[in-house]
Amino acid sequence: MRRRLLAVLLALVPVLTVSACGDGGARAPFAETRTPPALGVRFYPPPGWAWGYVRSGDGRAQRYGVTAPPTAPKATILILTGYGESAEVWFETVAELVDQGYSVWVLERDGQGGSERATPWRDLGHVESFAPDVAATKGLVKGVIRPAAGAPLVLLGHGEGGLVALRAAQEGLAMDGLILSTPAFGLKTLPRSRAEFAKFTPAMRALHLGWVRAPGQPGWRREGPDDAQAGLTHDATRGKVRAAWMLANPDLRMGGRSLGWYAAFFDASEAAAREVKKATAPTLMLTAGDDRVATAGPQTRLCAAMPACREVRDPRAGHALHLESDAVRGPWLAAIEDFTRARITAKGAGGKG
């Protein structure tokens, strides 16, 4: 059976290679998007929002966005998005944080949102490694953001973006605080077990076939469930936000993951667990009792092993805390603001607190 599958995959390579010719436009990064007419004003781009690109070494271009308050910011918050998210999904949260006096940046993941793609199939979630995401995060902070000496820098990573944020901290990125919002260190639904992936992904990588879509991972579908229907949030209105942006902007559309993506995720999550004590910044981990994406065990274990981590779990919450109902999202946002204010106080006192 395995030999037959491999033969089929190898037979497809010439066909796919030919069809990919002239795919530069399909892979290219892009900035401006069309605001979905069905969305309310609170989901529109925040005032002063601007786009840019960051590229680290030979990595692909990744899109980021930024806006700031009219006065000197009290702190800088860098948001790292979860799987399948574009920065537009975070506009409501960004505007609220800016109202608190913070400059806010959102860095999209490698191969997602307006970032450059690894394959001509824009809706395929494919990377060979999470290392470029970590490198882009470090490059954006050091080369573009360059936080002011008196204002703290706080990283806020959601889902797999939380894994990237943790790896950046473990690799020495200077920060004053780390917020992990339903971080994905383990996934509840896998097309195959980790043990099975470990058996064949090395061969797929060696044959440069990591881009093959994993079993049970469909492409983007117009009739696909929105985030509320998928159980990621209990708020019907916010649950439509991501789907609305994708419908209005075909280049934002994301479907399922590749075999290579899963292999990269396993590599990064294992490295995060192995080097957990290297993340020394004060850390707030916000988790969800009704999370259908990320497993709870690794979240709790890693937080307990980190030098300065506190976990707060809301039993009512779904995975997308930033898109949850007000009863859940309100305390989540308040926790982020309290944590950031504590970093401001600690920065002013000359310590990490």
Protein backbone atom coordinates (compact mmCIF):
# COMPACT_ATOMS: atom_id res chain seq x y z
CA MET A 1 0.00 0.00 0.00
CA ARG A 2 2.75 2.44 0.92
CA ARG A 3 4.66 1.70 -2.28
CA ARG A 4 1.49 2.22 -4.32
CA LEU A 5 0.84 5.59 -2.60
CA LEU A 6 4.43 6.69 -3.19
CA ALA A 7 4.19 5.69 -6.85
CA VAL A 8 1.03 7.77 -7.28
CA LEU A 9 2.62 10.79 -5.62
CA LEU A 10 5.74 10.54 -7.76
CA ALA A 11 3.58 10.26 -10.88
CA LEU A 12 1.83 13.48 -9.96
CA VAL A 13 5.01 15.51 -9.54
CA PRO A 14 5.63 16.25 -13.27
CA VAL A 15 1.98 17.25 -13.76
CA LEU A 16 1.97 19.55 -10.75
CA THR A 17 5.33 21.02 -11.70
CA VAL A 18 4.05 21.92 -15.16
CA SER A 19 0.83 23.41 -13.79
CA ALA A 20 2.85 25.51 -11.39
CA CYS A 21 4.79 27.26 -14.17
CA GLY A 22 4.17 30.98 -14.21
CA ASP A 23 2.65 30.91 -10.74
CA GLY A 24 4.55 33.96 -9.46
CA GLY A 25 1.37 35.96 -9.09
CA ALA A 26 -0.31 33.20 -7.12
CA ARG A 27 2.55 33.09 -4.62
CA ALA A 28 3.22 36.82 -4.34
CA PRO A 29 2.51 38.79 -1.16
CA PHE A 30 -0.10 41.53 -1.25
CA ALA A 31 -1.25 44.30 1.06
CA GLU A 32 -4.52 46.11 0.49
CA THR A 33 -7.78 44.19 0.93
CA ARG A 34 -11.46 44.91 0.33
CA THR A 35 -13.52 45.39 3.48
CA PRO A 36 -16.50 43.00 3.43
CA PRO A 37 -19.69 45.07 3.10
CA ALA A 38 -21.59 42.82 5.53
CA LEU A 39 -19.29 43.56 8.49
CA GLY A 40 -20.04 46.19 11.11
CA VAL A 41 -17.81 49.24 11.58
CA ARG A 42 -16.05 47.74 14.62
CA PHE A 43 -14.44 45.17 12.31
CA TYR A 44 -13.09 47.80 9.86
CA PRO A 45 -9.38 48.72 9.67
CA PRO A 46 -8.42 50.83 12.70
CA PRO A 47 -7.56 54.51 12.11
CA GLY A 48 -4.03 54.95 10.81
CA TRP A 49 -3.61 51.29 9.89
CA ALA A 50 -0.65 50.68 7.55
CA TRP A 51 0.79 47.54 5.90
CA GLY A 52 4.36 46.43 5.37
CA TYR A 53 6.47 43.35 4.65
CA VAL A 54 9.32 41.74 6.53
CA ARG A 55 11.70 39.15 5.13
CA SER A 56 14.38 37.36 7.12
CA GLY A 57 17.34 36.04 5.15
CA ASP A 58 16.18 33.75 2.34
CA GLY A 59 12.71 33.42 3.85
CA ARG A 60 9.50 34.45 2.16
CA ALA A 61 7.99 37.91 2.62
CA GLN A 62 5.52 38.08 5.51
CA ARG A 63 2.89 40.80 5.79
CA TYR A 64 2.46 42.88 8.91
CA GLY A 65 0.23 45.77 9.89
CA VAL A 66 0.56 48.51 12.47
CA THR A 67 -1.22 51.44 14.02
CA ALA A 68 -0.56 53.61 17.05
CA PRO A 69 -2.32 56.12 19.32
CA PRO A 70 -2.00 59.85 18.60
CA THR A 71 0.29 60.29 21.63
CA ALA A 72 3.47 58.47 22.63
CA PRO A 73 2.52 54.80 23.17
CA LYS A 74 2.67 53.41 26.69
CA ALA A 75 3.67 49.99 25.37
CA THR A 76 4.09 48.03 22.15
CA ILE A 77 2.06 44.87 21.56
CA LEU A 78 2.98 42.49 18.76
CA ILE A 79 0.25 39.99 17.83
CA LEU A 80 1.17 36.71 16.11
CA THR A 81 -1.83 35.15 14.39
CA GLY A 82 -3.10 31.57 14.56
CA TYR A 83 -3.55 29.11 11.71
CA GLY A 84 -5.56 30.40 8.77
CA GLU A 85 -5.88 33.92 10.17
CA SER A 86 -5.12 37.20 8.49
CA ALA A 87 -4.46 40.41 10.40
CA GLU A 88 -7.93 41.65 9.44
CA VAL A 89 -9.50 39.19 11.89
CA TRP A 90 -7.82 41.11 14.73
CA PHE A 91 -8.97 44.63 13.76
CA GLU A 92 -11.55 44.91 16.55
CA THR A 93 -9.00 43.87 19.19
CA VAL A 94 -6.32 46.13 17.72
CA ALA A 95 -8.60 49.19 17.91
CA GLU A 96 -9.43 48.46 21.55
CA LEU A 97 -5.79 48.08 22.51
CA VAL A 98 -4.85 51.30 20.70
CA ASP A 99 -7.59 53.07 22.68
CA GLN A 100 -5.68 52.01 25.81
CA GLY A 101 -2.62 53.87 24.56
CA TYR A 102 -0.62 51.02 22.99
CA SER A 103 0.94 50.77 19.56
CA VAL A 104 -0.16 47.47 18.03
CA TRP A 105 1.52 45.37 15.35
CA VAL A 106 0.14 42.20 13.76
CA LEU A 107 2.51 39.80 12.00
CA GLU A 108 0.91 37.22 9.74
CA ARG A 109 2.33 33.75 9.54
CA ASP A 110 4.54 32.40 6.77
CA GLY A 111 2.25 31.43 3.88
CA GLN A 112 -0.93 32.94 5.35
CA GLY A 113 -2.95 36.11 4.96
CA GLY A 114 -1.13 38.57 2.71
CA SER A 115 2.21 36.81 3.13
CA GLU A 116 4.07 35.15 0.29
CA ARG A 117 3.12 31.53 -0.41
CA ALA A 118 5.36 28.48 -0.69
CA THR A 119 3.18 26.83 -3.36
CA PRO A 120 0.91 28.02 -6.20
CA TRP A 121 -2.11 26.83 -4.19
CA ARG A 122 -2.76 29.87 -2.01
CA ASP A 123 -5.30 28.13 0.20
CA LEU A 124 -2.86 25.34 1.16
CA GLY A 125 -1.28 25.77 4.58
CA HIS A 126 2.27 24.71 3.83
CA VAL A 127 5.65 25.35 5.45
CA GLU A 128 8.68 23.13 5.87
CA SER A 129 9.59 24.64 9.23
CA PHE A 130 8.35 27.17 11.78
CA ALA A 131 11.87 28.63 11.93
CA PRO A 132 11.12 31.32 9.30
CA ASP A 133 8.15 32.48 11.41
CA VAL A 134 10.43 32.80 14.43
CA ALA A 135 13.11 34.57 12.38
CA ALA A 136 10.55 37.01 10.93
CA THR A 137 9.27 37.79 14.44
CA LYS A 138 12.78 38.54 15.64
CA GLY A 139 13.56 40.52 12.49
CA LEU A 140 10.41 42.62 12.78
CA VAL A 141 11.13 43.51 16.41
CA LYS A 142 14.81 44.26 15.95
CA GLY A 143 14.76 45.84 12.51
CA VAL A 144 11.36 47.51 12.18
CA ILE A 145 9.59 47.97 15.51
CA ARG A 146 12.72 48.81 17.53
CA PRO A 147 10.77 49.37 20.77
CA ALA A 148 11.36 52.65 22.59
CA ALA A 149 13.56 52.33 25.66
CA GLY A 150 10.85 53.44 28.07
CA ALA A 151 7.93 51.46 26.64
CA PRO A 152 7.68 47.70 27.21
CA LEU A 153 7.29 45.17 24.41
CA VAL A 154 4.66 42.47 24.86
CA LEU A 155 4.22 39.55 22.46
CA LEU A 156 0.70 38.13 22.14
CA GLY A 157 0.59 34.81 20.31
CA HIS A 158 -2.66 33.03 19.45
CA GLY A 159 -2.90 29.31 18.60
CA GLU A 160 0.12 28.27 16.56
CA GLY A 161 1.20 31.91 16.79
CA GLY A 162 1.61 31.23 20.51
CA LEU A 163 4.03 28.45 19.66
CA VAL A 164 6.01 30.84 17.44
CA ALA A 165 6.03 33.49 20.19
CA LEU A 166 7.32 30.98 22.74
CA ARG A 167 10.06 29.80 20.38
CA ALA A 168 11.12 33.43 19.78
CA ALA A 169 11.37 33.93 23.56
CA GLN A 170 13.36 30.72 23.91
CA GLU A 171 15.73 31.90 21.19
CA GLY A 172 16.53 35.05 23.10
CA LEU A 173 14.25 37.73 21.65
CA ALA A 174 14.19 40.50 24.25
CA MET A 175 10.67 41.21 25.49
CA ASP A 176 9.05 42.49 28.64
CA GLY A 177 6.10 40.11 28.62
CA LEU A 178 4.63 37.15 26.77
CA ILE A 179 0.92 36.43 26.41
CA LEU A 180 -0.07 33.01 25.06
CA SER A 181 -3.74 32.94 24.04
CA THR A 182 -4.95 29.34 23.62
CA PRO A 183 -1.47 28.37 22.40
CA ALA A 184 -1.28 25.26 20.25
CA PHE A 185 1.43 22.95 21.55
CA GLY A 186 -0.68 19.90 20.74
CA LEU A 187 -3.62 19.49 18.34
CA LYS A 188 -6.84 17.65 19.13
CA THR A 189 -7.63 16.56 15.59
CA LEU A 190 -4.88 14.95 13.51
CA PRO A 191 -5.30 13.15 10.17
CA ARG A 192 -2.82 10.54 11.47
CA SER A 193 -1.20 9.91 14.85
CA ARG A 194 2.12 11.57 15.64
CA ALA A 195 3.72 8.13 15.58
CA GLU A 196 2.44 7.49 12.06
CA PHE A 197 3.61 10.92 10.89
CA ALA A 198 7.07 10.16 12.29
CA LYS A 199 7.27 7.06 10.09
CA PHE A 200 6.69 8.65 6.70
CA THR A 201 7.26 12.43 6.93
CA PRO A 202 11.08 12.11 6.78
CA ALA A 203 10.74 10.31 3.45
CA MET A 204 8.25 12.89 2.17
CA ARG A 205 10.67 15.67 3.08
CA ALA A 206 13.58 13.89 1.41
CA LEU A 207 11.49 13.58 -1.76
CA HIS A 208 10.39 17.22 -1.49
CA LEU A 209 6.77 16.13 -1.24
CA GLY A 210 5.92 17.90 1.98
CA TRP A 211 3.54 20.15 0.04
CA VAL A 212 1.08 17.28 -0.46
CA ARG A 213 -2.19 18.10 1.27
CA ALA A 214 -2.63 15.95 4.37
CA PRO A 215 -5.51 13.43 4.44
CA GLY A 216 -8.80 15.00 5.49
CA GLN A 217 -7.53 18.55 4.90
CA PRO A 218 -9.76 20.08 2.21
CA GLY A 219 -9.15 23.27 0.32
CA TRP A 220 -11.10 26.47 1.02
CA ARG A 221 -14.82 26.08 0.39
CA ARG A 222 -17.40 28.82 0.05
CA GLU A 223 -19.92 26.67 1.92
CA GLY A 224 -17.43 25.77 4.64
CA PRO A 225 -18.36 26.43 8.30
CA ASP A 226 -17.59 29.81 9.84
CA ASP A 227 -15.79 30.01 13.19
CA ALA A 228 -19.01 29.83 15.22
CA GLN A 229 -20.28 26.83 13.27
CA ALA A 230 -16.89 25.16 13.73
CA GLY A 231 -17.10 25.64 17.49
CA LEU A 232 -14.18 28.07 17.74
CA THR A 233 -16.36 30.78 19.30
CA HIS A 234 -19.83 31.07 20.82
CA ASP A 235 -20.43 34.50 19.26
CA ALA A 236 -22.38 34.24 16.00
CA THR A 237 -21.41 37.72 14.77
CA ARG A 238 -17.68 37.53 15.48
CA GLY A 239 -17.73 33.96 14.20
CA LYS A 240 -18.48 35.29 10.70
CA VAL A 241 -15.55 37.74 10.57
CA ARG A 242 -12.81 35.49 9.22
CA ALA A 243 -15.08 33.88 6.63
CA ALA A 244 -16.30 37.30 5.48
CA TRP A 245 -12.76 38.58 4.84
CA MET A 246 -11.90 35.43 2.92
CA LEU A 247 -15.05 35.59 0.82
CA ALA A 248 -14.40 39.22 -0.13
CA ASN A 249 -10.67 38.66 -0.74
CA PRO A 250 -9.81 35.42 -2.57
CA ASP A 251 -6.09 35.82 -1.84
CA LEU A 252 -6.78 35.50 1.91
CA ARG A 253 -8.51 32.14 1.62
CA MET A 254 -7.02 29.29 3.59
CA GLY A 255 -7.97 25.63 3.63
CA GLY A 256 -6.26 22.65 5.19
CA ARG A 257 -2.66 21.88 6.02
CA SER A 258 0.04 19.96 4.16
CA LEU A 259 2.06 16.98 5.39
CA GLY A 260 5.05 19.28 5.68
CA TRP A 261 3.09 21.70 7.86
CA TYR A 262 2.31 18.97 10.37
CA ALA A 263 5.92 17.82 10.41
CA ALA A 264 7.05 21.42 11.03
CA PHE A 265 4.50 21.79 13.84
CA PHE A 266 5.71 18.63 15.57
CA ASP A 267 9.32 19.81 15.30
CA ALA A 268 8.50 23.20 16.80
CA SER A 269 6.29 21.87 19.60
CA GLU A 270 8.92 19.31 20.62
CA ALA A 271 11.61 22.01 20.64
CA ALA A 272 9.37 24.26 22.74
CA ALA A 273 8.88 21.52 25.34
CA ARG A 274 12.57 20.64 25.34
CA GLU A 275 13.71 24.25 25.87
CA VAL A 276 10.80 25.45 27.99
CA LYS A 277 12.96 26.92 30.75
CA LYS A 278 14.70 29.26 28.30
CA ALA A 279 11.59 31.47 28.15
CA THR A 280 12.23 33.70 31.16
CA ALA A 281 9.95 36.67 30.42
CA PRO A 282 6.85 37.07 32.62
CA THR A 283 4.17 35.01 30.86
CA LEU A 284 0.38 34.98 30.96
CA MET A 285 -1.27 31.93 29.41
CA LEU A 286 -4.99 32.33 28.65
CA THR A 287 -6.66 29.02 27.84
CA ALA A 288 -10.16 27.77 27.01
CA GLY A 289 -12.19 24.99 28.58
CA ASP A 290 -14.08 24.38 25.32
CA ASP A 291 -11.05 24.46 23.02
CA ARG A 292 -11.64 22.19 20.00
CA VAL A 293 -8.23 22.90 18.46
CA ALA A 294 -5.45 22.87 21.06
CA THR A 295 -4.96 20.22 23.73
CA ALA A 296 -4.95 21.36 27.35
CA GLY A 297 -2.29 19.03 28.76
CA PRO A 298 0.74 20.53 26.99
CA GLN A 299 -0.45 24.06 27.81
CA THR A 300 -0.59 23.36 31.54
CA ARG A 301 2.66 21.36 31.58
CA LEU A 302 4.67 23.98 29.75
CA CYS A 303 3.30 26.84 31.82
CA ALA A 304 4.12 24.98 35.04
CA ALA A 305 7.68 24.35 33.80
CA MET A 306 8.34 27.95 32.71
CA PRO A 307 10.19 30.21 35.17
CA ALA A 308 7.44 32.86 35.35
CA CYS A 309 4.12 31.70 33.87
CA ARG A 310 0.54 31.96 35.12
CA GLU A 311 -2.32 30.13 33.43
CA VAL A 312 -5.91 31.38 33.50
CA ARG A 313 -8.50 29.01 32.02
CA ASP A 314 -12.06 30.05 31.18
CA PRO A 315 -14.28 26.93 31.14
CA ARG A 316 -16.85 28.66 28.91
CA ALA A 317 -14.44 29.72 26.18
CA GLY A 318 -13.75 28.39 22.70
CA HIS A 319 -10.38 28.44 20.96
CA ALA A 320 -10.75 31.89 19.36
CA LEU A 321 -10.80 34.00 22.54
CA HIS A 322 -10.44 37.23 20.53
CA LEU A 323 -13.68 36.36 18.69
CA GLU A 324 -15.65 35.11 21.66
CA SER A 325 -18.87 36.48 23.15
CA ASP A 326 -18.55 39.57 25.34
CA ALA A 327 -18.92 37.56 28.55
CA VAL A 328 -15.75 35.64 27.67
CA ARG A 329 -13.87 38.13 25.56
CA GLY A 330 -14.28 40.96 28.07
CA PRO A 331 -12.29 39.21 30.84
CA TRP A 332 -9.76 38.01 28.23
CA LEU A 333 -9.13 41.56 27.04
CA ALA A 334 -9.04 42.86 30.61
CA ALA A 335 -6.40 40.26 31.51
CA ILE A 336 -4.26 41.41 28.57
CA GLU A 337 -4.59 45.05 29.62
CA ASP A 338 -3.81 44.29 33.29
CA PHE A 339 -0.75 42.25 32.30
CA THR A 340 0.48 45.02 29.98
CA ARG A 341 -0.02 47.70 32.65
CA ALA A 342 2.00 45.56 35.06
CA ARG A 343 4.82 45.43 32.49
CA ILE A 344 4.66 49.23 32.19
CA THR A 345 4.96 49.57 35.96
CA ALA A 346 7.82 47.08 36.10
CA LYS A 347 9.62 48.82 33.24
CA GLY A 348 9.34 52.13 35.05
CA ALA A 349 10.72 50.55 38.20
CA GLY A 350 13.65 49.11 36.26
CA GLY A 351 12.68 45.46 36.78
CA LYS A 352 10.66 42.70 35.15
CA GLY A 353 8.16 42.17 38.00
